[in-house]
Full PDB file with SEQRES, HELIX, SHEET, SSBOND, CRYST1, ORIGX, SCALE, CONECT and MASTER records, all heavy atoms in Angstrom:
SEQRES   1 A   39  LYS GLU ILE ILE THR GLY THR PHE ALA THR VAL SER THR          
SEQRES   2 A   39  LYS VAL ASP GLU THR ASN THR ALA LYS ALA ALA LYS SER          
SEQRES   3 A   39  GLY SER LEU ASN VAL PHE ALA THR PRO PHE MET ILE ALA          
HELIX    1 AA1 ALA A   21  ALA A   24  1                                   4    
HELIX    2 AA2 THR A   34  ILE A   38  1                                   5    
CRYST1    1.000    1.000    1.000  90.00  90.00  90.00 P 1           1          
ORIGX1      1.000000  0.000000  0.000000        0.00000                         
ORIGX2      0.000000  1.000000  0.000000        0.00000                         
ORIGX3      0.000000  0.000000  1.000000        0.00000                         
SCALE1      1.000000  0.000000  0.000000        0.00000                         
SCALE2      0.000000  1.000000  0.000000        0.00000                         
SCALE3      0.000000  0.000000  1.000000        0.00000                         
ATOM      1  N   LYS A   1     118.888 123.448 133.721  1.00  0.00           N  
ATOM      2  CA  LYS A   1     118.910 122.332 134.647  1.00  0.00           C  
ATOM      3  C   LYS A   1     119.586 121.142 133.967  1.00  0.00           C  
ATOM      4  O   LYS A   1     119.786 121.146 132.755  1.00  0.00           O  
ATOM      5  CB  LYS A   1     117.476 121.964 135.037  1.00  0.00           C  
ATOM      6  CG  LYS A   1     116.705 123.096 135.673  1.00  0.00           C  
ATOM      7  CD  LYS A   1     115.250 122.729 135.825  1.00  0.00           C  
ATOM      8  CE  LYS A   1     114.454 123.958 136.226  1.00  0.00           C  
ATOM      9  NZ  LYS A   1     113.018 123.736 136.138  1.00  0.00           N  
ATOM     10  N   GLU A   2     119.890 120.117 134.748  1.00  0.00           N  
ATOM     11  CA  GLU A   2     120.462 118.916 134.153  1.00  0.00           C  
ATOM     12  C   GLU A   2     119.439 118.282 133.223  1.00  0.00           C  
ATOM     13  O   GLU A   2     118.296 118.024 133.613  1.00  0.00           O  
ATOM     14  CB  GLU A   2     120.866 117.909 135.235  1.00  0.00           C  
ATOM     15  CG  GLU A   2     121.462 116.656 134.651  1.00  0.00           C  
ATOM     16  CD  GLU A   2     121.774 115.594 135.700  1.00  0.00           C  
ATOM     17  OE1 GLU A   2     121.626 115.873 136.901  1.00  0.00           O  
ATOM     18  OE2 GLU A   2     122.154 114.486 135.292  1.00  0.00           O  
ATOM     19  N   ILE A   3     119.836 118.043 131.991  1.00  0.00           N  
ATOM     20  CA  ILE A   3     118.945 117.461 130.991  1.00  0.00           C  
ATOM     21  C   ILE A   3     119.092 115.944 131.037  1.00  0.00           C  
ATOM     22  O   ILE A   3     120.202 115.414 130.960  1.00  0.00           O  
ATOM     23  CB  ILE A   3     119.258 118.005 129.587  1.00  0.00           C  
ATOM     24  CG1 ILE A   3     119.053 119.530 129.576  1.00  0.00           C  
ATOM     25  CG2 ILE A   3     118.407 117.325 128.529  1.00  0.00           C  
ATOM     26  CD1 ILE A   3     119.523 120.216 128.315  1.00  0.00           C  
ATOM     27  N   ILE A   4     117.976 115.260 131.166  1.00  0.00           N  
ATOM     28  CA  ILE A   4     117.983 113.818 131.364  1.00  0.00           C  
ATOM     29  C   ILE A   4     117.724 113.097 130.036  1.00  0.00           C  
ATOM     30  O   ILE A   4     116.675 113.291 129.410  1.00  0.00           O  
ATOM     31  CB  ILE A   4     116.922 113.412 132.407  1.00  0.00           C  
ATOM     32  CG1 ILE A   4     117.226 114.114 133.737  1.00  0.00           C  
ATOM     33  CG2 ILE A   4     116.872 111.905 132.583  1.00  0.00           C  
ATOM     34  CD1 ILE A   4     116.123 114.010 134.759  1.00  0.00           C  
ATOM     35  N   THR A   5     118.719 112.290 129.626  1.00  0.00           N  
ATOM     36  CA  THR A   5     118.527 111.503 128.408  1.00  0.00           C  
ATOM     37  C   THR A   5     117.389 110.503 128.634  1.00  0.00           C  
ATOM     38  O   THR A   5     117.135 110.066 129.755  1.00  0.00           O  
ATOM     39  CB  THR A   5     119.815 110.763 127.990  1.00  0.00           C  
ATOM     40  OG1 THR A   5     120.218 109.919 129.055  1.00  0.00           O  
ATOM     41  CG2 THR A   5     120.927 111.739 127.646  1.00  0.00           C  
ATOM     42  N   GLY A   6     116.722 110.175 127.557  1.00  0.00           N  
ATOM     43  CA  GLY A   6     115.577 109.269 127.627  1.00  0.00           C  
ATOM     44  C   GLY A   6     114.248 109.997 127.775  1.00  0.00           C  
ATOM     45  O   GLY A   6     113.199 109.407 127.537  1.00  0.00           O  
ATOM     46  N   THR A   7     114.311 111.274 128.153  1.00  0.00           N  
ATOM     47  CA  THR A   7     113.083 112.067 128.238  1.00  0.00           C  
ATOM     48  C   THR A   7     112.524 112.230 126.824  1.00  0.00           C  
ATOM     49  O   THR A   7     113.273 112.468 125.881  1.00  0.00           O  
ATOM     50  CB  THR A   7     113.358 113.452 128.856  1.00  0.00           C  
ATOM     51  OG1 THR A   7     113.939 113.273 130.154  1.00  0.00           O  
ATOM     52  CG2 THR A   7     112.086 114.272 128.974  1.00  0.00           C  
ATOM     53  N   PHE A   8     111.212 112.086 126.690  1.00  0.00           N  
ATOM     54  CA  PHE A   8     110.611 112.192 125.360  1.00  0.00           C  
ATOM     55  C   PHE A   8     109.300 112.961 125.414  1.00  0.00           C  
ATOM     56  O   PHE A   8     108.728 113.159 126.487  1.00  0.00           O  
ATOM     57  CB  PHE A   8     110.393 110.800 124.749  1.00  0.00           C  
ATOM     58  CG  PHE A   8     109.298 110.014 125.413  1.00  0.00           C  
ATOM     59  CD1 PHE A   8     107.987 110.084 124.950  1.00  0.00           C  
ATOM     60  CD2 PHE A   8     109.574 109.213 126.506  1.00  0.00           C  
ATOM     61  CE1 PHE A   8     106.976 109.364 125.567  1.00  0.00           C  
ATOM     62  CE2 PHE A   8     108.575 108.488 127.135  1.00  0.00           C  
ATOM     63  CZ  PHE A   8     107.266 108.565 126.662  1.00  0.00           C  
ATOM     64  N   ALA A   9     108.856 113.366 124.249  1.00  0.00           N  
ATOM     65  CA  ALA A   9     107.564 114.027 124.108  1.00  0.00           C  
ATOM     66  C   ALA A   9     106.983 113.655 122.759  1.00  0.00           C  
ATOM     67  O   ALA A   9     107.716 113.312 121.821  1.00  0.00           O  
ATOM     68  CB  ALA A   9     107.711 115.544 124.222  1.00  0.00           C  
ATOM     69  N   THR A  10     105.663 113.727 122.669  1.00  0.00           N  
ATOM     70  CA  THR A  10     104.980 113.479 121.406  1.00  0.00           C  
ATOM     71  C   THR A  10     104.030 114.633 121.100  1.00  0.00           C  
ATOM     72  O   THR A  10     103.535 115.299 122.014  1.00  0.00           O  
ATOM     73  CB  THR A  10     104.166 112.166 121.433  1.00  0.00           C  
ATOM     74  OG1 THR A  10     103.180 112.253 122.461  1.00  0.00           O  
ATOM     75  CG2 THR A  10     105.055 110.966 121.660  1.00  0.00           C  
ATOM     76  N   VAL A  11     103.815 114.858 119.821  1.00  0.00           N  
ATOM     77  CA  VAL A  11     102.825 115.827 119.343  1.00  0.00           C  
ATOM     78  C   VAL A  11     102.162 115.224 118.106  1.00  0.00           C  
ATOM     79  O   VAL A  11     102.779 114.420 117.397  1.00  0.00           O  
ATOM     80  CB  VAL A  11     103.423 117.212 119.015  1.00  0.00           C  
ATOM     81  CG1 VAL A  11     103.933 117.907 120.275  1.00  0.00           C  
ATOM     82  CG2 VAL A  11     104.554 117.096 118.006  1.00  0.00           C  
ATOM     83  N   SER A  12     100.932 115.609 117.872  1.00  0.00           N  
ATOM     84  CA  SER A  12     100.191 115.047 116.739  1.00  0.00           C  
ATOM     85  C   SER A  12      99.530 116.134 115.917  1.00  0.00           C  
ATOM     86  O   SER A  12      99.265 117.242 116.414  1.00  0.00           O  
ATOM     87  CB  SER A  12      99.112 114.086 117.247  1.00  0.00           C  
ATOM     88  OG  SER A  12      99.684 112.994 117.918  1.00  0.00           O  
ATOM     89  N   THR A  13      99.237 115.783 114.668  1.00  0.00           N  
ATOM     90  CA  THR A  13      98.490 116.661 113.778  1.00  0.00           C  
ATOM     91  C   THR A  13      97.700 115.794 112.821  1.00  0.00           C  
ATOM     92  O   THR A  13      98.026 114.618 112.622  1.00  0.00           O  
ATOM     93  CB  THR A  13      99.418 117.626 113.008  1.00  0.00           C  
ATOM     94  OG1 THR A  13      98.642 118.645 112.410  1.00  0.00           O  
ATOM     95  CG2 THR A  13     100.230 116.911 111.948  1.00  0.00           C  
ATOM     96  N   LYS A  14      96.686 116.373 112.234  1.00  0.00           N  
ATOM     97  CA  LYS A  14      95.900 115.682 111.215  1.00  0.00           C  
ATOM     98  C   LYS A  14      96.316 116.230 109.855  1.00  0.00           C  
ATOM     99  O   LYS A  14      96.490 117.431 109.695  1.00  0.00           O  
ATOM    100  CB  LYS A  14      94.406 115.906 111.457  1.00  0.00           C  
ATOM    101  CG  LYS A  14      93.526 115.079 110.551  1.00  0.00           C  
ATOM    102  CD  LYS A  14      92.112 115.031 111.084  1.00  0.00           C  
ATOM    103  CE  LYS A  14      91.715 113.593 111.056  1.00  0.00           C  
ATOM    104  NZ  LYS A  14      90.937 113.017 111.982  1.00  0.00           N  
ATOM    105  N   VAL A  15      96.479 115.366 108.880  1.00  0.00           N  
ATOM    106  CA  VAL A  15      96.824 115.795 107.527  1.00  0.00           C  
ATOM    107  C   VAL A  15      95.588 116.453 106.908  1.00  0.00           C  
ATOM    108  O   VAL A  15      94.518 115.843 106.854  1.00  0.00           O  
ATOM    109  CB  VAL A  15      97.302 114.618 106.651  1.00  0.00           C  
ATOM    110  CG1 VAL A  15      97.678 115.111 105.254  1.00  0.00           C  
ATOM    111  CG2 VAL A  15      98.471 113.892 107.304  1.00  0.00           C  
ATOM    112  N   ASP A  16      95.761 117.705 106.487  1.00  0.00           N  
ATOM    113  CA  ASP A  16      94.693 118.427 105.801  1.00  0.00           C  
ATOM    114  C   ASP A  16      95.316 119.286 104.707  1.00  0.00           C  
ATOM    115  O   ASP A  16      96.520 119.232 104.472  1.00  0.00           O  
ATOM    116  CB  ASP A  16      93.839 119.241 106.780  1.00  0.00           C  
ATOM    117  CG  ASP A  16      94.618 120.327 107.509  1.00  0.00           C  
ATOM    118  OD1 ASP A  16      95.665 120.803 106.999  1.00  0.00           O  
ATOM    119  OD2 ASP A  16      94.187 120.731 108.604  1.00  0.00           O  
ATOM    120  N   GLU A  17      94.513 120.087 104.060  1.00  0.00           N  
ATOM    121  CA  GLU A  17      94.989 120.878 102.921  1.00  0.00           C  
ATOM    122  C   GLU A  17      96.083 121.879 103.288  1.00  0.00           C  
ATOM    123  O   GLU A  17      96.806 122.341 102.417  1.00  0.00           O  
ATOM    124  CB  GLU A  17      93.819 121.628 102.263  1.00  0.00           C  
ATOM    125  CG  GLU A  17      92.832 120.734 101.535  1.00  0.00           C  
ATOM    126  CD  GLU A  17      91.814 120.067 102.466  1.00  0.00           C  
ATOM    127  OE1 GLU A  17      91.713 120.441 103.658  1.00  0.00           O  
ATOM    128  OE2 GLU A  17      91.116 119.150 102.004  1.00  0.00           O  
ATOM    129  N   THR A  18      96.224 122.195 104.591  1.00  0.00           N  
ATOM    130  CA  THR A  18      97.210 123.210 104.995  1.00  0.00           C  
ATOM    131  C   THR A  18      98.614 122.649 105.180  1.00  0.00           C  
ATOM    132  O   THR A  18      99.568 123.420 105.272  1.00  0.00           O  
ATOM    133  CB  THR A  18      96.789 123.909 106.304  1.00  0.00           C  
ATOM    134  OG1 THR A  18      96.818 122.957 107.375  1.00  0.00           O  
ATOM    135  CG2 THR A  18      95.405 124.532 106.183  1.00  0.00           C  
ATOM    136  N   ASN A  19      98.767 121.324 105.276  1.00  0.00           N  
ATOM    137  CA  ASN A  19     100.093 120.764 105.544  1.00  0.00           C  
ATOM    138  C   ASN A  19     100.516 119.702 104.518  1.00  0.00           C  
ATOM    139  O   ASN A  19     101.271 118.792 104.820  1.00  0.00           O  
ATOM    140  CB  ASN A  19     100.197 120.228 106.974  1.00  0.00           C  
ATOM    141  CG  ASN A  19      99.154 119.182 107.307  1.00  0.00           C  
ATOM    142  OD1 ASN A  19      98.539 118.577 106.433  1.00  0.00           O  
ATOM    143  ND2 ASN A  19      98.947 118.958 108.599  1.00  0.00           N  
ATOM    144  N   THR A  20     100.026 119.863 103.315  1.00  0.00           N  
ATOM    145  CA  THR A  20     100.390 118.949 102.240  1.00  0.00           C  
ATOM    146  C   THR A  20     101.618 119.444 101.483  1.00  0.00           C  
ATOM    147  O   THR A  20     102.020 120.605 101.613  1.00  0.00           O  
ATOM    148  CB  THR A  20      99.233 118.801 101.231  1.00  0.00           C  
ATOM    149  OG1 THR A  20      99.007 120.071 100.622  1.00  0.00           O  
ATOM    150  CG2 THR A  20      97.972 118.284 101.890  1.00  0.00           C  
ATOM    151  N   ALA A  21     102.167 118.550 100.667  1.00  0.00           N  
ATOM    152  CA  ALA A  21     103.293 118.936  99.801  1.00  0.00           C  
ATOM    153  C   ALA A  21     102.864 120.056  98.857  1.00  0.00           C  
ATOM    154  O   ALA A  21     103.637 120.983  98.598  1.00  0.00           O  
ATOM    155  CB  ALA A  21     103.781 117.721  99.012  1.00  0.00           C  
ATOM    156  N   LYS A  22     101.644 119.985  98.386  1.00  0.00           N  
ATOM    157  CA  LYS A  22     101.125 121.029  97.505  1.00  0.00           C  
ATOM    158  C   LYS A  22     101.083 122.377  98.222  1.00  0.00           C  
ATOM    159  O   LYS A  22     101.504 123.388  97.678  1.00  0.00           O  
ATOM    160  CB  LYS A  22      99.740 120.636  97.003  1.00  0.00           C  
ATOM    161  CG  LYS A  22      99.209 121.504  95.902  1.00  0.00           C  
ATOM    162  CD  LYS A  22      97.903 120.919  95.362  1.00  0.00           C  
ATOM    163  CE  LYS A  22      97.404 121.753  94.206  1.00  0.00           C  
ATOM    164  NZ  LYS A  22      96.163 121.182  93.646  1.00  0.00           N  
ATOM    165  N   ALA A  23     100.604 122.385  99.461  1.00  0.00           N  
ATOM    166  CA  ALA A  23     100.522 123.632 100.240  1.00  0.00           C  
ATOM    167  C   ALA A  23     101.905 124.193 100.557  1.00  0.00           C  
ATOM    168  O   ALA A  23     102.110 125.406 100.562  1.00  0.00           O  
ATOM    169  CB  ALA A  23      99.746 123.406 101.534  1.00  0.00           C  
ATOM    170  N   ALA A  24     102.865 123.308 100.819  1.00  0.00           N  
ATOM    171  CA  ALA A  24     104.224 123.735 101.162  1.00  0.00           C  
ATOM    172  C   ALA A  24     105.040 124.107  99.933  1.00  0.00           C  
ATOM    173  O   ALA A  24     106.148 124.628 100.068  1.00  0.00           O  
ATOM    174  CB  ALA A  24     104.946 122.624 101.919  1.00  0.00           C  
ATOM    175  N   LYS A  25     104.492 123.808  98.758  1.00  0.00           N  
ATOM    176  CA  LYS A  25     105.206 124.022  97.499  1.00  0.00           C  
ATOM    177  C   LYS A  25     106.484 123.171  97.445  1.00  0.00           C  
ATOM    178  O   LYS A  25     107.461 123.528  96.802  1.00  0.00           O  
ATOM    179  CB  LYS A  25     105.495 125.498  97.271  1.00  0.00           C  
ATOM    180  CG  LYS A  25     104.229 126.315  97.131  1.00  0.00           C  
ATOM    181  CD  LYS A  25     104.524 127.752  96.837  1.00  0.00           C  
ATOM    182  CE  LYS A  25     103.336 128.515  96.491  1.00  0.00           C  
ATOM    183  NZ  LYS A  25     102.419 129.127  97.074  1.00  0.00           N  
ATOM    184  N   SER A  26     106.417 122.027  98.154  1.00  0.00           N  
ATOM    185  CA  SER A  26     107.537 121.092  98.119  1.00  0.00           C  
ATOM    186  C   SER A  26     107.194 119.882  97.258  1.00  0.00           C  
ATOM    187  O   SER A  26     107.903 118.878  97.271  1.00  0.00           O  
ATOM    188  CB  SER A  26     107.902 120.650  99.539  1.00  0.00           C  
ATOM    189  OG  SER A  26     106.845 119.892 100.113  1.00  0.00           O  
ATOM    190  N   GLY A  27     106.100 119.984  96.534  1.00  0.00           N  
ATOM    191  CA  GLY A  27     105.632 118.926  95.652  1.00  0.00           C  
ATOM    192  C   GLY A  27     104.264 119.312  95.129  1.00  0.00           C  
ATOM    193  O   GLY A  27     103.746 120.386  95.436  1.00  0.00           O  
ATOM    194  N   SER A  28     103.658 118.428  94.375  1.00  0.00           N  
ATOM    195  CA  SER A  28     102.378 118.757  93.743  1.00  0.00           C  
ATOM    196  C   SER A  28     101.220 117.897  94.240  1.00  0.00           C  
ATOM    197  O   SER A  28     100.109 118.023  93.738  1.00  0.00           O  
ATOM    198  CB  SER A  28     102.505 118.615  92.222  1.00  0.00           C  
ATOM    199  OG  SER A  28     102.854 117.279  91.900  1.00  0.00           O  
ATOM    200  N   LEU A  29     101.480 117.043  95.233  1.00  0.00           N  
ATOM    201  CA  LEU A  29     100.449 116.110  95.686  1.00  0.00           C  
ATOM    202  C   LEU A  29      99.856 116.513  97.029  1.00  0.00           C  
ATOM    203  O   LEU A  29     100.513 117.160  97.849  1.00  0.00           O  
ATOM    204  CB  LEU A  29     101.044 114.701  95.782  1.00  0.00           C  
ATOM    205  CG  LEU A  29     101.630 114.146  94.483  1.00  0.00           C  
ATOM    206  CD1 LEU A  29     102.269 112.790  94.735  1.00  0.00           C  
ATOM    207  CD2 LEU A  29     100.567 114.059  93.398  1.00  0.00           C  
ATOM    208  N   ASN A  30      98.632 116.066  97.264  1.00  0.00           N  
ATOM    209  CA  ASN A  30      97.960 116.316  98.539  1.00  0.00           C  
ATOM    210  C   ASN A  30      98.254 115.172  99.519  1.00  0.00           C  
ATOM    211  O   ASN A  30      97.372 114.409  99.908  1.00  0.00           O  
ATOM    212  CB  ASN A  30      96.449 116.483  98.331  1.00  0.00           C  
ATOM    213  CG  ASN A  30      96.116 117.870  97.840  1.00  0.00           C  
ATOM    214  OD1 ASN A  30      96.718 118.850  98.265  1.00  0.00           O  
ATOM    215  ND2 ASN A  30      95.167 117.962  96.937  1.00  0.00           N  
ATOM    216  N   VAL A  31      99.534 115.072  99.894  1.00  0.00           N  
ATOM    217  CA  VAL A  31     100.012 114.140 100.914  1.00  0.00           C  
ATOM    218  C   VAL A  31     100.795 114.963 101.943  1.00  0.00           C  
ATOM    219  O   VAL A  31     101.204 116.084 101.670  1.00  0.00           O  
ATOM    220  CB  VAL A  31     100.913 113.033 100.318  1.00  0.00           C  
ATOM    221  CG1 VAL A  31     100.113 112.127  99.382  1.00  0.00           C  
ATOM    222  CG2 VAL A  31     102.110 113.624  99.603  1.00  0.00           C  
ATOM    223  N   PHE A  32     100.982 114.390 103.135  1.00  0.00           N  
ATOM    224  CA  PHE A  32     101.694 115.100 104.203  1.00  0.00           C  
ATOM    225  C   PHE A  32     103.085 115.495 103.715  1.00  0.00           C  
ATOM    226  O   PHE A  32     103.853 114.662 103.241  1.00  0.00           O  
ATOM    227  CB  PHE A  32     101.781 114.202 105.435  1.00  0.00           C  
ATOM    228  CG  PHE A  32     102.199 114.898 106.695  1.00  0.00           C  
ATOM    229  CD1 PHE A  32     101.613 116.081 107.109  1.00  0.00           C  
ATOM    230  CD2 PHE A  32     103.173 114.343 107.505  1.00  0.00           C  
ATOM    231  CE1 PHE A  32     101.990 116.705 108.291  1.00  0.00           C  
ATOM    232  CE2 PHE A  32     103.558 114.948 108.695  1.00  0.00           C  
ATOM    233  CZ  PHE A  32     102.961 116.136 109.082  1.00  0.00           C  
ATOM    234  N   ALA A  33     103.412 116.763 103.832  1.00  0.00           N  
ATOM    235  CA  ALA A  33     104.666 117.304 103.303  1.00  0.00           C  
ATOM    236  C   ALA A  33     105.833 117.046 104.249  1.00  0.00           C  
ATOM    237  O   ALA A  33     105.693 117.148 105.473  1.00  0.00           O  
ATOM    238  CB  ALA A  33     104.523 118.807 103.070  1.00  0.00           C  
ATOM    239  N   THR A  34     106.972 116.763 103.662  1.00  0.00           N  
ATOM    240  CA  THR A  34     108.197 116.574 104.444  1.00  0.00           C  
ATOM    241  C   THR A  34     108.506 117.787 105.326  1.00  0.00           C  
ATOM    242  O   THR A  34     108.832 117.605 106.508  1.00  0.00           O  
ATOM    243  CB  THR A  34     109.382 116.246 103.514  1.00  0.00           C  
ATOM    244  OG1 THR A  34     109.062 115.072 102.761  1.00  0.00           O  
ATOM    245  CG2 THR A  34     110.662 116.035 104.295  1.00  0.00           C  
ATOM    246  N   PRO A  35     108.401 119.034 104.828  1.00  0.00           N  
ATOM    247  CA  PRO A  35     108.678 120.173 105.718  1.00  0.00           C  
ATOM    248  C   PRO A  35     107.764 120.212 106.947  1.00  0.00           C  
ATOM    249  O   PRO A  35     108.204 120.574 108.044  1.00  0.00           O  
ATOM    250  CB  PRO A  35     108.448 121.396 104.831  1.00  0.00           C  
ATOM    251  CG  PRO A  35     108.624 120.907 103.436  1.00  0.00           C  
ATOM    252  CD  PRO A  35     108.146 119.481 103.447  1.00  0.00           C  
ATOM    253  N   PHE A  36     106.513 119.804 106.778  1.00  0.00           N  
ATOM    254  CA  PHE A  36     105.594 119.792 107.918  1.00  0.00           C  
ATOM    255  C   PHE A  36     105.879 118.632 108.859  1.00  0.00           C  
ATOM    256  O   PHE A  36     105.686 118.755 110.073  1.00  0.00           O  
ATOM    257  CB  PHE A  36     104.145 119.786 107.448  1.00  0.00           C  
ATOM    258  CG  PHE A  36     103.718 121.115 106.866  1.00  0.00           C  
ATOM    259  CD1 PHE A  36     103.463 121.249 105.522  1.00  0.00           C  
ATOM    260  CD2 PHE A  36     103.596 122.237 107.671  1.00  0.00           C  
ATOM    261  CE1 PHE A  36     103.085 122.470 104.982  1.00  0.00           C  
ATOM    262  CE2 PHE A  36     103.219 123.463 107.154  1.00  0.00           C  
ATOM    263  CZ  PHE A  36     102.958 123.585 105.802  1.00  0.00           C  
ATOM    264  N   MET A  37     106.361 117.506 108.320  1.00  0.00           N  
ATOM    265  CA  MET A  37     106.757 116.400 109.186  1.00  0.00           C  
ATOM    266  C   MET A  37     107.946 116.823 110.055  1.00  0.00           C  
ATOM    267  O   MET A  37     107.972 116.571 111.263  1.00  0.00           O  
ATOM    268  CB  MET A  37     107.129 115.168 108.357  1.00  0.00           C  
ATOM    269  CG  MET A  37     107.524 113.965 109.220  1.00  0.00           C  
ATOM    270  SD  MET A  37     108.227 112.577 108.300  1.00  0.00           S  
ATOM    271  CE  MET A  37     109.845 113.239 107.859  1.00  0.00           C  
ATOM    272  N   ILE A  38     108.914 117.492 109.436  1.00  0.00           N  
ATOM    273  CA  ILE A  38     110.085 117.960 110.185  1.00  0.00           C  
ATOM    274  C   ILE A  38     109.672 118.988 111.230  1.00  0.00           C  
ATOM    275  O   ILE A  38     110.145 118.949 112.370  1.00  0.00           O  
ATOM    276  CB  ILE A  38     111.158 118.513 109.229  1.00  0.00           C  
ATOM    277  CG1 ILE A  38     111.735 117.364 108.381  1.00  0.00           C  
ATOM    278  CG2 ILE A  38     112.262 119.234 109.992  1.00  0.00           C  
ATOM    279  CD1 ILE A  38     112.603 117.809 107.223  1.00  0.00           C  
ATOM    280  N   ALA A  39     108.766 119.893 110.872  1.00  0.00           N  
ATOM    281  CA  ALA A  39     108.291 120.889 111.839  1.00  0.00           C  
ATOM    282  C   ALA A  39     107.608 120.212 113.024  1.00  0.00           C  
ATOM    283  O   ALA A  39     107.785 120.625 114.175  1.00  0.00           O  
ATOM    284  CB  ALA A  39     107.345 121.874 111.161  1.00  0.00           C  
TER     285      ALA A  39                                                      
MASTER        0    0    0    2    0    0    0    6  284    1    0    3          
END                                                                             
């Protein structure tokens, strides 16, 4: 269908041990990982 610019959506998550830099192996800290932010 015709795609309308300006259309938006939001999604949320809570930072926990499963989506940290340590869990993603993209770092060693228990902070929200860049790969999970991009996902």
